[in-house]
C-alpha atoms as a PDB file:
ATOM      1  CA  UNK A   1      -4.270   4.310  28.480  1.00  0.00           C
ATOM      2  CA  UNK A   2      -3.463   6.524  25.266  1.00  0.00           C
ATOM      3  CA  UNK A   3      -5.003   9.944  26.216  1.00  0.00           C
ATOM      4  CA  UNK A   4      -5.582  10.578  22.218  1.00  0.00           C
ATOM      5  CA  UNK A   5      -7.363   7.182  21.471  1.00  0.00           C
ATOM      6  CA  UNK A   6      -8.545   5.625  24.730  1.00  0.00           C
ATOM      7  CA  UNK A   7      -7.062   2.603  23.942  1.00  0.00           C
ATOM      8  CA  UNK A   8      -4.762   0.434  26.027  1.00  0.00           C
ATOM      9  CA  UNK A   9      -1.247   1.428  24.576  1.00  0.00           C
ATOM     10  CA  UNK A  10       0.623  -1.567  22.675  1.00  0.00           C
ATOM     11  CA  UNK A  11       4.419  -2.510  23.329  1.00  0.00           C
ATOM     12  CA  UNK A  12       6.573  -0.564  21.206  1.00  0.00           C
ATOM     13  CA  UNK A  13       7.274  -1.959  17.785  1.00  0.00           C
ATOM     14  CA  UNK A  14      10.395  -3.945  16.561  1.00  0.00           C
ATOM     15  CA  UNK A  15      12.489  -3.227  13.660  1.00  0.00           C
ATOM     16  CA  UNK A  16      10.807  -6.388  11.349  1.00  0.00           C
ATOM     17  CA  UNK A  17       7.084  -5.204  12.010  1.00  0.00           C
ATOM     18  CA  UNK A  18       8.222  -1.822  11.165  1.00  0.00           C
ATOM     19  CA  UNK A  19       9.297  -2.789   7.889  1.00  0.00           C
ATOM     20  CA  UNK A  20       6.435  -5.289   7.257  1.00  0.00           C
ATOM     21  CA  UNK A  21       3.863  -2.150   8.166  1.00  0.00           C
ATOM     22  CA  UNK A  22       5.555  -0.500   5.650  1.00  0.00           C
ATOM     23  CA  UNK A  23       5.539  -2.664   2.746  1.00  0.00           C
ATOM     24  CA  UNK A  24       2.129  -3.745   3.182  1.00  0.00           C
ATOM     25  CA  UNK A  25       0.692  -0.334   2.290  1.00  0.00           C
ATOM     26  CA  UNK A  26       2.700  -0.141  -1.143  1.00  0.00           C
ATOM     27  CA  UNK A  27       1.744  -3.967  -2.221  1.00  0.00           C
ATOM     28  CA  UNK A  28      -1.581  -3.092  -3.381  1.00  0.00           C
ATOM     29  CA  UNK A  29      -3.649  -2.437  -6.716  1.00  0.00           C
ATOM     30  CA  UNK A  30      -0.547  -0.182  -7.945  1.00  0.00           C
ATOM     31  CA  UNK A  31       2.164  -2.856  -8.129  1.00  0.00           C
ATOM     32  CA  UNK A  32       0.158  -5.126 -10.037  1.00  0.00           C
ATOM     33  CA  UNK A  33      -1.123  -2.717 -12.712  1.00  0.00           C
ATOM     34  CA  UNK A  34       2.991  -2.329 -13.596  1.00  0.00           C
ATOM     35  CA  UNK A  35       2.969  -4.315 -15.898  1.00  0.00           C
ATOM     36  CA  UNK A  36       0.266  -2.559 -17.899  1.00  0.00           C
ATOM     37  CA  UNK A  37       2.339   0.608 -17.046  1.00  0.00           C
ATOM     38  CA  UNK A  38       5.369  -0.686 -18.598  1.00  0.00           C
ATOM     39  CA  UNK A  39       3.526  -0.814 -22.065  1.00  0.00           C
ATOM     40  CA  UNK A  40       3.614   3.167 -21.454  1.00  0.00           C
ATOM     41  CA  UNK A  41       7.248   3.389 -20.949  1.00  0.00           C
ATOM     42  CA  UNK A  42       8.793   0.202 -22.741  1.00  0.00           C
ATOM     43  CA  UNK A  43      11.436  -1.990 -20.916  1.00  0.00           C
ATOM     44  CA  UNK A  44      14.371   0.478 -20.952  1.00  0.00           C
ATOM     45  CA  UNK A  45      12.694   3.249 -19.489  1.00  0.00           C
ATOM     46  CA  UNK A  46      10.339   1.427 -17.080  1.00  0.00           C
ATOM     47  CA  UNK A  47      12.882   0.320 -14.460  1.00  0.00           C
ATOM     48  CA  UNK A  48      15.030   3.642 -14.063  1.00  0.00           C
ATOM     49  CA  UNK A  49      11.837   5.718 -13.725  1.00  0.00           C
ATOM     50  CA  UNK A  50      10.616   3.575 -10.941  1.00  0.00           C
ATOM     51  CA  UNK A  51      13.636   4.113  -9.238  1.00  0.00           C
ATOM     52  CA  UNK A  52      13.144   7.786  -9.334  1.00  0.00           C
ATOM     53  CA  UNK A  53      10.006   7.937  -8.091  1.00  0.00           C
ATOM     54  CA  UNK A  54      10.771   5.480  -5.298  1.00  0.00           C
ATOM     55  CA  UNK A  55      13.233   7.842  -4.250  1.00  0.00           C
ATOM     56  CA  UNK A  56      11.259  10.824  -4.374  1.00  0.00           C
ATOM     57  CA  UNK A  57       8.830   9.309  -2.172  1.00  0.00           C
ATOM     58  CA  UNK A  58      11.234   8.296   0.244  1.00  0.00           C
ATOM     59  CA  UNK A  59      12.786  12.116  -0.086  1.00  0.00           C
ATOM     60  CA  UNK A  60       9.153  12.637   0.840  1.00  0.00           C
ATOM     61  CA  UNK A  61       8.933  10.584   3.792  1.00  0.00           C
ATOM     62  CA  UNK A  62      11.782  11.479   5.515  1.00  0.00           C
ATOM     63  CA  UNK A  63      10.906  14.865   5.345  1.00  0.00           C
ATOM     64  CA  UNK A  64       7.755  14.435   6.575  1.00  0.00           C
ATOM     65  CA  UNK A  65       9.367  12.394   9.810  1.00  0.00           C
ATOM     66  CA  UNK A  66      11.691  15.210  10.301  1.00  0.00           C
ATOM     67  CA  UNK A  67       8.804  17.816  10.611  1.00  0.00           C
ATOM     68  CA  UNK A  68       7.107  15.264  13.157  1.00  0.00           C
ATOM     69  CA  UNK A  69      10.206  15.438  15.100  1.00  0.00           C
ATOM     70  CA  UNK A  70      10.389  18.841  14.967  1.00  0.00           C
ATOM     71  CA  UNK A  71       6.800  19.169  16.214  1.00  0.00           C
ATOM     72  CA  UNK A  72       7.556  16.458  18.826  1.00  0.00           C
ATOM     73  CA  UNK A  73      10.022  18.890  20.424  1.00  0.00           C
ATOM     74  CA  UNK A  74       7.634  21.822  21.013  1.00  0.00           C
ATOM     75  CA  UNK A  75       4.644  19.162  21.657  1.00  0.00           C
ATOM     76  CA  UNK A  76       6.345  17.010  24.379  1.00  0.00           C
ATOM     77  CA  UNK A  77       5.296  13.782  22.539  1.00  0.00           C
ATOM     78  CA  UNK A  78       5.615  12.091  19.219  1.00  0.00           C
ATOM     79  CA  UNK A  79       2.827  13.739  17.324  1.00  0.00           C
ATOM     80  CA  UNK A  80       0.297  11.898  14.967  1.00  0.00           C
ATOM     81  CA  UNK A  81      -0.831  13.316  11.590  1.00  0.00           C
ATOM     82  CA  UNK A  82      -3.551  15.773  12.757  1.00  0.00           C
ATOM     83  CA  UNK A  83      -1.198  17.169  15.564  1.00  0.00           C
ATOM     84  CA  UNK A  84       1.504  17.782  12.936  1.00  0.00           C
ATOM     85  CA  UNK A  85      -0.689  19.291  10.728  1.00  0.00           C
ATOM     86  CA  UNK A  86      -1.167  21.929  13.601  1.00  0.00           C
ATOM     87  CA  UNK A  87       2.068  22.114  15.260  1.00  0.00           C
ATOM     88  CA  UNK A  88       3.397  23.128  11.525  1.00  0.00           C
ATOM     89  CA  UNK A  89       1.251  26.295  11.852  1.00  0.00           C
ATOM     90  CA  UNK A  90       1.821  26.608  15.665  1.00  0.00           C
ATOM     91  CA  UNK A  91       5.243  26.815  15.920  1.00  0.00           C
ATOM     92  CA  UNK A  92       5.718  28.231  12.107  1.00  0.00           C
ATOM     93  CA  UNK A  93       5.656  31.853  11.285  1.00  0.00           C
ATOM     94  CA  UNK A  94       3.727  34.694  12.982  1.00  0.00           C
ATOM     95  CA  UNK A  95       1.100  35.076  10.425  1.00  0.00           C
ATOM     96  CA  UNK A  96      -0.356  31.349   9.871  1.00  0.00           C
ATOM     97  CA  UNK A  97      -0.293  30.611  13.815  1.00  0.00           C
ATOM     98  CA  UNK A  98      -4.006  31.256  13.762  1.00  0.00           C
ATOM     99  CA  UNK A  99      -4.646  28.344  11.345  1.00  0.00           C
ATOM    100  CA  UNK A 100      -3.550  26.049  13.650  1.00  0.00           C
ATOM    101  CA  UNK A 101      -6.728  24.541  14.677  1.00  0.00           C
ATOM    102  CA  UNK A 102      -7.781  24.843  11.212  1.00  0.00           C
ATOM    103  CA  UNK A 103      -5.187  22.312   9.926  1.00  0.00           C
ATOM    104  CA  UNK A 104      -5.500  19.674  12.212  1.00  0.00           C
ATOM    105  CA  UNK A 105      -9.311  19.382  11.345  1.00  0.00           C
ATOM    106  CA  UNK A 106      -8.402  19.418   7.444  1.00  0.00           C
ATOM    107  CA  UNK A 107      -5.394  17.204   7.772  1.00  0.00           C
ATOM    108  CA  UNK A 108      -7.821  14.617   9.708  1.00  0.00           C
ATOM    109  CA  UNK A 109     -10.640  15.409   7.082  1.00  0.00           C
ATOM    110  CA  UNK A 110      -8.129  14.820   3.929  1.00  0.00           C
ATOM    111  CA  UNK A 111      -6.594  11.550   5.985  1.00  0.00           C
ATOM    112  CA  UNK A 112     -10.007   9.984   5.884  1.00  0.00           C
ATOM    113  CA  UNK A 113     -11.054  11.280   2.225  1.00  0.00           C
ATOM    114  CA  UNK A 114      -7.378   9.732   0.857  1.00  0.00           C
ATOM    115  CA  UNK A 115      -8.052   6.569   3.089  1.00  0.00           C
ATOM    116  CA  UNK A 116     -10.673   5.745   1.740  1.00  0.00           C
ATOM    117  CA  UNK A 117     -10.959   6.936  -1.580  1.00  0.00           C
ATOM    118  CA  UNK A 118      -7.732   4.917  -2.286  1.00  0.00           C
ATOM    119  CA  UNK A 119      -8.295   1.722  -0.234  1.00  0.00           C
ATOM    120  CA  UNK A 120     -11.763   1.258  -0.566  1.00  0.00           C
ATOM    121  CA  UNK A 121     -11.485  -0.361  -4.076  1.00  0.00           C
ATOM    122  CA  UNK A 122     -10.295  -3.424  -2.735  1.00  0.00           C
ATOM    123  CA  UNK A 123     -13.700  -4.222  -1.147  1.00  0.00           C
ATOM    124  CA  UNK A 124     -14.351  -4.765  -5.189  1.00  0.00           C
ATOM    125  CA  UNK A 125     -11.074  -6.632  -5.541  1.00  0.00           C
ATOM    126  CA  UNK A 126     -11.919  -9.053  -2.885  1.00  0.00           C
ATOM    127  CA  UNK A 127     -15.701  -9.422  -4.164  1.00  0.00           C
ATOM    128  CA  UNK A 128     -14.108  -9.900  -7.750  1.00  0.00           C
ATOM    129  CA  UNK A 129     -11.649 -12.340  -6.485  1.00  0.00           C
ATOM    130  CA  UNK A 130     -14.371 -14.389  -4.818  1.00  0.00           C
ATOM    131  CA  UNK A 131     -16.525 -14.421  -7.655  1.00  0.00           C
ATOM    132  CA  UNK A 132     -13.670 -15.832  -9.897  1.00  0.00           C
ATOM    133  CA  UNK A 133     -13.021 -18.773  -7.323  1.00  0.00           C
ATOM    134  CA  UNK A 134     -16.693 -19.434  -7.313  1.00  0.00           C
ATOM    135  CA  UNK A 135     -16.318 -19.708 -11.377  1.00  0.00           C
ATOM    136  CA  UNK A 136     -13.537 -22.215 -11.065  1.00  0.00           C
ATOM    137  CA  UNK A 137     -15.754 -24.182  -9.071  1.00  0.00           C
ATOM    138  CA  UNK A 138     -18.926 -24.028 -10.886  1.00  0.00           C
ATOM    139  CA  UNK A 139     -20.878 -22.080  -8.574  1.00  0.00           C
ATOM    140  CA  UNK A 140     -21.507 -18.501 -10.938  1.00  0.00           C
ATOM    141  CA  UNK A 141     -24.912 -17.525  -9.653  1.00  0.00           C
ATOM    142  CA  UNK A 142     -24.374 -14.583  -7.677  1.00  0.00           C
ATOM    143  CA  UNK A 143     -23.441 -11.214  -9.398  1.00  0.00           C
ATOM    144  CA  UNK A 144     -20.394  -9.284  -8.403  1.00  0.00           C
ATOM    145  CA  UNK A 145     -22.596  -6.841  -7.079  1.00  0.00           C
ATOM    146  CA  UNK A 146     -23.850  -9.375  -4.632  1.00  0.00           C
ATOM    147  CA  UNK A 147     -20.523 -10.504  -3.678  1.00  0.00           C
ATOM    148  CA  UNK A 148     -19.617  -6.582  -2.495  1.00  0.00           C
ATOM    149  CA  UNK A 149     -22.500  -6.730  -0.433  1.00  0.00           C
ATOM    150  CA  UNK A 150     -21.442 -10.376   0.801  1.00  0.00           C
ATOM    151  CA  UNK A 151     -17.323  -8.869   1.594  1.00  0.00           C
ATOM    152  CA  UNK A 152     -18.012  -5.939   2.575  1.00  0.00           C
ATOM    153  CA  UNK A 153     -19.882  -5.846   6.060  1.00  0.00           C
ATOM    154  CA  UNK A 154     -18.074  -8.670   7.841  1.00  0.00           C
ATOM    155  CA  UNK A 155     -14.609  -7.405   6.616  1.00  0.00           C
ATOM    156  CA  UNK A 156     -14.405  -3.943   6.434  1.00  0.00           C
ATOM    157  CA  UNK A 157     -17.122  -2.840   9.104  1.00  0.00           C
ATOM    158  CA  UNK A 158     -16.279  -5.364  11.926  1.00  0.00           C
ATOM    159  CA  UNK A 159     -12.257  -4.726  11.112  1.00  0.00           C
ATOM    160  CA  UNK A 160     -12.579  -0.954  11.371  1.00  0.00           C
ATOM    161  CA  UNK A 161     -14.550  -1.527  14.933  1.00  0.00           C
ATOM    162  CA  UNK A 162     -11.930  -3.194  16.638  1.00  0.00           C
ATOM    163  CA  UNK A 163     -10.659  -1.942  19.755  1.00  0.00           C
ATOM    164  CA  UNK A 164      -8.441  -4.664  20.718  1.00  0.00           C
ATOM    165  CA  UNK A 165      -5.057  -3.682  19.542  1.00  0.00           C
ATOM    166  CA  UNK A 166      -3.444  -7.225  20.017  1.00  0.00           C
ATOM    167  CA  UNK A 167      -6.091  -8.656  17.692  1.00  0.00           C
ATOM    168  CA  UNK A 168      -5.204  -6.074  15.303  1.00  0.00           C
ATOM    169  CA  UNK A 169      -1.748  -7.522  15.402  1.00  0.00           C
ATOM    170  CA  UNK A 170      -2.549 -10.845  14.955  1.00  0.00           C
ATOM    171  CA  UNK A 171      -4.900  -9.876  11.670  1.00  0.00           C
ATOM    172  CA  UNK A 172      -1.895  -7.740  10.686  1.00  0.00           C
ATOM    173  CA  UNK A 173       0.324 -11.155  10.878  1.00  0.00           C
ATOM    174  CA  UNK A 174      -2.109 -12.820   8.510  1.00  0.00           C
ATOM    175  CA  UNK A 175      -2.709 -10.413   6.412  1.00  0.00           C
ATOM    176  CA  UNK A 176       1.467 -10.358   5.797  1.00  0.00           C
ATOM    177  CA  UNK A 177       1.354 -14.449   5.482  1.00  0.00           C
ATOM    178  CA  UNK A 178      -1.437 -13.785   2.710  1.00  0.00           C
ATOM    179  CA  UNK A 179       0.748 -11.146   0.874  1.00  0.00           C
ATOM    180  CA  UNK A 180       3.722 -13.543   0.701  1.00  0.00           C
ATOM    181  CA  UNK A 181       1.804 -16.757  -0.592  1.00  0.00           C
ATOM    182  CA  UNK A 182      -0.153 -14.268  -2.832  1.00  0.00           C
ATOM    183  CA  UNK A 183       3.323 -12.436  -4.587  1.00  0.00           C
ATOM    184  CA  UNK A 184       5.327 -16.031  -4.762  1.00  0.00           C
ATOM    185  CA  UNK A 185       1.991 -17.213  -6.847  1.00  0.00           C
ATOM    186  CA  UNK A 186       2.080 -14.473  -8.714  1.00  0.00           C
ATOM    187  CA  UNK A 187       6.153 -14.615  -9.420  1.00  0.00           C
ATOM    188  CA  UNK A 188       5.824 -18.440 -10.415  1.00  0.00           C
ATOM    189  CA  UNK A 189       3.125 -17.446 -12.929  1.00  0.00           C
ATOM    190  CA  UNK A 190       4.816 -14.771 -14.612  1.00  0.00           C
ATOM    191  CA  UNK A 191       8.096 -16.849 -14.875  1.00  0.00           C
ATOM    192  CA  UNK A 192       6.451 -20.363 -16.319  1.00  0.00           C
ATOM    193  CA  UNK A 193       4.888 -21.370 -19.682  1.00  0.00           C
ATOM    194  CA  UNK A 194       6.687 -17.810 -21.094  1.00  0.00           C
ATOM    195  CA  UNK A 195       5.661 -17.095 -24.836  1.00  0.00           C
ATOM    196  CA  UNK A 196       7.617 -18.424 -27.957  1.00  0.00           C
ATOM    197  CA  UNK A 197       7.588 -14.861 -29.219  1.00  0.00           C
ATOM    198  CA  UNK A 198       7.799 -12.161 -26.943  1.00  0.00           C
ATOM    199  CA  UNK A 199       5.703  -8.376 -28.123  1.00  0.00           C
ATOM    200  CA  UNK A 200       7.203  -6.009 -25.518  1.00  0.00           C
ATOM    201  CA  UNK A 201       9.008  -2.832 -26.556  1.00  0.00           C
ATOM    202  CA  UNK A 202      12.095  -1.800 -25.408  1.00  0.00           C
ATOM    203  CA  UNK A 203      10.989   2.146 -25.983  1.00  0.00           C
ATOM    204  CA  UNK A 204       7.307   3.014 -25.198  1.00  0.00           C
ATOM    205  CA  UNK A 205       5.239   5.755 -27.032  1.00  0.00           C
ATOM    206  CA  UNK A 206       6.521   9.004 -25.209  1.00  0.00           C
ATOM    207  CA  UNK A 207       3.021  10.651 -25.080  1.00  0.00           C
ATOM    208  CA  UNK A 208       2.137   7.807 -22.848  1.00  0.00           C
ATOM    209  CA  UNK A 209       4.610   8.425 -20.346  1.00  0.00           C
ATOM    210  CA  UNK A 210       2.599  10.200 -17.914  1.00  0.00           C
ATOM    211  CA  UNK A 211       0.108   7.176 -17.355  1.00  0.00           C
ATOM    212  CA  UNK A 212       3.190   5.155 -16.553  1.00  0.00           C
ATOM    213  CA  UNK A 213       4.280   7.687 -14.273  1.00  0.00           C
ATOM    214  CA  UNK A 214       0.851   7.855 -12.492  1.00  0.00           C
ATOM    215  CA  UNK A 215       0.521   3.968 -12.013  1.00  0.00           C
ATOM    216  CA  UNK A 216       4.077   4.240 -10.768  1.00  0.00           C
ATOM    217  CA  UNK A 217       3.276   6.820  -7.936  1.00  0.00           C
ATOM    218  CA  UNK A 218       0.209   4.776  -7.000  1.00  0.00           C
ATOM    219  CA  UNK A 219       2.568   1.573  -6.198  1.00  0.00           C
ATOM    220  CA  UNK A 220       4.367   3.720  -3.716  1.00  0.00           C
ATOM    221  CA  UNK A 221       1.268   4.905  -0.813  1.00  0.00           C
ATOM    222  CA  UNK A 222       3.508   4.233   2.375  1.00  0.00           C
ATOM    223  CA  UNK A 223       3.356   8.133   3.226  1.00  0.00           C
ATOM    224  CA  UNK A 224       0.175   7.164   5.494  1.00  0.00           C
ATOM    225  CA  UNK A 225       2.243   5.134   7.896  1.00  0.00           C
ATOM    226  CA  UNK A 226       5.409   6.924   8.398  1.00  0.00           C
ATOM    227  CA  UNK A 227       4.236   8.792  11.540  1.00  0.00           C
ATOM    228  CA  UNK A 228       2.969   5.778  12.797  1.00  0.00           C
ATOM    229  CA  UNK A 229       5.278   3.593  12.446  1.00  0.00           C
ATOM    230  CA  UNK A 230       7.587   6.343  14.117  1.00  0.00           C
ATOM    231  CA  UNK A 231       5.340   6.286  16.880  1.00  0.00           C
ATOM    232  CA  UNK A 232       5.064   2.675  17.570  1.00  0.00           C
ATOM    233  CA  UNK A 233       9.032   2.136  16.926  1.00  0.00           C
ATOM    234  CA  UNK A 234      11.370   1.802  20.301  1.00  0.00           C
ATOM    235  CA  UNK A 235      13.886   4.132  19.398  1.00  0.00           C
ATOM    236  CA  UNK A 236      13.668   6.616  16.336  1.00  0.00           C
ATOM    237  CA  UNK A 237      16.860   5.887  14.786  1.00  0.00           C
ATOM    238  CA  UNK A 238      15.127   2.357  13.765  1.00  0.00           C
ATOM    239  CA  UNK A 239      13.236   4.744  11.133  1.00  0.00           C
ATOM    240  CA  UNK A 240      15.260   7.163  10.262  1.00  0.00           C
ATOM    241  CA  UNK A 241      18.680   5.883  10.129  1.00  0.00           C
ATOM    242  CA  UNK A 242      20.697   4.859   6.814  1.00  0.00           C
ATOM    243  CA  UNK A 243      19.555   1.161   7.354  1.00  0.00           C
ATOM    244  CA  UNK A 244      16.410   2.455   9.018  1.00  0.00           C
ATOM    245  CA  UNK A 245      13.047   0.967   8.153  1.00  0.00           C
ATOM    246  CA  UNK A 246      11.980   3.539   5.650  1.00  0.00           C
ATOM    247  CA  UNK A 247      15.114   2.814   3.308  1.00  0.00           C
ATOM    248  CA  UNK A 248      15.087  -0.675   3.968  1.00  0.00           C
ATOM    249  CA  UNK A 249      11.444  -0.704   3.131  1.00  0.00           C
ATOM    250  CA  UNK A 250      11.653   0.948   0.157  1.00  0.00           C
ATOM    251  CA  UNK A 251      14.444  -0.581  -1.224  1.00  0.00           C
ATOM    252  CA  UNK A 252      12.587  -3.986  -0.838  1.00  0.00           C
ATOM    253  CA  UNK A 253       9.713  -2.109  -2.622  1.00  0.00           C
ATOM    254  CA  UNK A 254      11.424  -0.344  -5.536  1.00  0.00           C
ATOM    255  CA  UNK A 255      13.115  -3.796  -6.196  1.00  0.00           C
ATOM    256  CA  UNK A 256      10.277  -5.745  -5.893  1.00  0.00           C
ATOM    257  CA  UNK A 257       8.141  -3.330  -8.596  1.00  0.00           C
ATOM    258  CA  UNK A 258      10.718  -3.844 -10.883  1.00  0.00           C
ATOM    259  CA  UNK A 259      10.913  -7.235 -11.030  1.00  0.00           C
ATOM    260  CA  UNK A 260       6.970  -7.503 -10.993  1.00  0.00           C
ATOM    261  CA  UNK A 261       6.662  -4.945 -13.749  1.00  0.00           C
ATOM    262  CA  UNK A 262       9.494  -6.339 -15.800  1.00  0.00           C
ATOM    263  CA  UNK A 263       8.589 -10.064 -15.870  1.00  0.00           C
ATOM    264  CA  UNK A 264       4.856  -9.786 -16.541  1.00  0.00           C
ATOM    265  CA  UNK A 265       5.345  -7.006 -19.360  1.00  0.00           C
ATOM    266  CA  UNK A 266       8.119  -9.756 -20.792  1.00  0.00           C
ATOM    267  CA  UNK A 267       5.441 -12.327 -20.619  1.00  0.00           C
ATOM    268  CA  UNK A 268       2.486 -10.736 -21.561  1.00  0.00           C
ATOM    269  CA  UNK A 269       3.566  -7.807 -23.844  1.00  0.00           C
ATOM    270  CA  UNK A 270       1.222  -5.602 -24.975  1.00  0.00           C
ATOM    271  CA  UNK A 271      -1.648  -8.222 -24.207  1.00  0.00           C
ATOM    272  CA  UNK A 272      -1.134  -7.064 -20.371  1.00  0.00           C
ATOM    273  CA  UNK A 273      -4.315  -5.889 -18.727  1.00  0.00           C
ATOM    274  CA  UNK A 274      -4.926  -3.694 -16.263  1.00  0.00           C
ATOM    275  CA  UNK A 275      -3.935  -5.770 -13.302  1.00  0.00           C
ATOM    276  CA  UNK A 276      -1.725  -8.713 -14.738  1.00  0.00           C
ATOM    277  CA  UNK A 277      -3.425 -10.789 -12.591  1.00  0.00           C
ATOM    278  CA  UNK A 278      -6.127 -10.742 -14.916  1.00  0.00           C
ATOM    279  CA  UNK A 279      -4.363 -12.298 -17.842  1.00  0.00           C
ATOM    280  CA  UNK A 280      -3.927 -15.386 -15.386  1.00  0.00           C
ATOM    281  CA  UNK A 281      -5.396 -18.483 -16.777  1.00  0.00           C
ATOM    282  CA  UNK A 282      -8.698 -19.928 -14.777  1.00  0.00           C
ATOM    283  CA  UNK A 283      -6.580 -22.576 -12.866  1.00  0.00           C
ATOM    284  CA  UNK A 284      -6.279 -23.633  -9.287  1.00  0.00           C
ATOM    285  CA  UNK A 285      -3.422 -21.835  -8.383  1.00  0.00           C
ATOM    286  CA  UNK A 286      -4.152 -18.203  -9.809  1.00  0.00           C
ATOM    287  CA  UNK A 287      -7.498 -18.444  -7.825  1.00  0.00           C
ATOM    288  CA  UNK A 288      -5.341 -18.981  -4.848  1.00  0.00           C
ATOM    289  CA  UNK A 289      -3.764 -16.259  -5.408  1.00  0.00           C
ATOM    290  CA  UNK A 290      -6.216 -14.068  -5.935  1.00  0.00           C
ATOM    291  CA  UNK A 291      -7.938 -14.863  -2.685  1.00  0.00           C
ATOM    292  CA  UNK A 292      -4.690 -14.494  -0.771  1.00  0.00           C
ATOM    293  CA  UNK A 293      -3.703 -11.086  -1.922  1.00  0.00           C
ATOM    294  CA  UNK A 294      -7.476  -9.943  -1.817  1.00  0.00           C
ATOM    295  CA  UNK A 295      -7.947 -11.261   1.542  1.00  0.00           C
ATOM    296  CA  UNK A 296      -4.840  -9.420   2.469  1.00  0.00           C
ATOM    297  CA  UNK A 297      -6.317  -6.306   1.521  1.00  0.00           C
ATOM    298  CA  UNK A 298      -9.426  -6.581   3.310  1.00  0.00           C
ATOM    299  CA  UNK A 299      -7.463  -7.046   6.245  1.00  0.00           C
ATOM    300  CA  UNK A 300      -4.680  -4.599   5.595  1.00  0.00           C
ATOM    301  CA  UNK A 301      -7.442  -2.211   4.585  1.00  0.00           C
ATOM    302  CA  UNK A 302      -8.900  -0.885   7.817  1.00  0.00           C
ATOM    303  CA  UNK A 303      -5.495  -0.350   9.590  1.00  0.00           C
ATOM    304  CA  UNK A 304      -4.500   2.808   8.157  1.00  0.00           C
ATOM    305  CA  UNK A 305      -7.628   4.452   9.713  1.00  0.00           C
ATOM    306  CA  UNK A 306      -7.504   2.509  12.778  1.00  0.00           C
ATOM    307  CA  UNK A 307      -4.463   3.635  13.902  1.00  0.00           C
ATOM    308  CA  UNK A 308      -5.618   6.888  14.290  1.00  0.00           C
END
């Protein structure tokens, strides 16, 4: 049993499982908004800026992991986020040690607020996707608010109260499959039926560059799973080595964001919407893509909070 959670301990995760958990946290609304983001930077500046943003967040992940490993030396076991926040003050300078208990509570509160604030939007996305599919099959009788009410209780509340980690693992596998299908459909639709005239710009408006950077940062949101991946890994070197989970997963994420951003902006140009999936025509294939992606988000949503 885990003394912190009261749940039965799960077997250590392997290399591939760690990479997949890392990828799931980055493949969200941000990555599908990159076509719109490229309108603010242009086709030339967009890719290198995404590489820089990816490397910055990778550096932050390694710093967090290094801090966690230092706290582990004094704690005697791998710390979670709250214990890491407390340990920084507990083993830090004498003047700040009295704040250690407050920082543990503060870290937990901030973790809940940020995860809920960032990911709760997926409930609305999932409801919107179900409404679009219903419209395609001529069953448009419910408002988006009703679809939210239908989607929220069984998916979010039930999943968040699961205490069987083995079942959570199966849901995670299902989420991986749905994400893969959704991305493949998106790639197919952004590379077919190309327009005869392109409307994209090579260099965007420099005054709008902060908009691109903000969306780019949103596309790299895996910081919340760094310590859980480390805690569940079989060996520490699997995580922070040169070909470790963090480096490999981040490289895949950078390449994927650039590909989706370039392809969607090249096809839709100035007409690319906030999520390039909104540019898809109402056919059966996009409807399946909507449901695969949004279904995976609904399954993935409770996982970062559930880990603690």
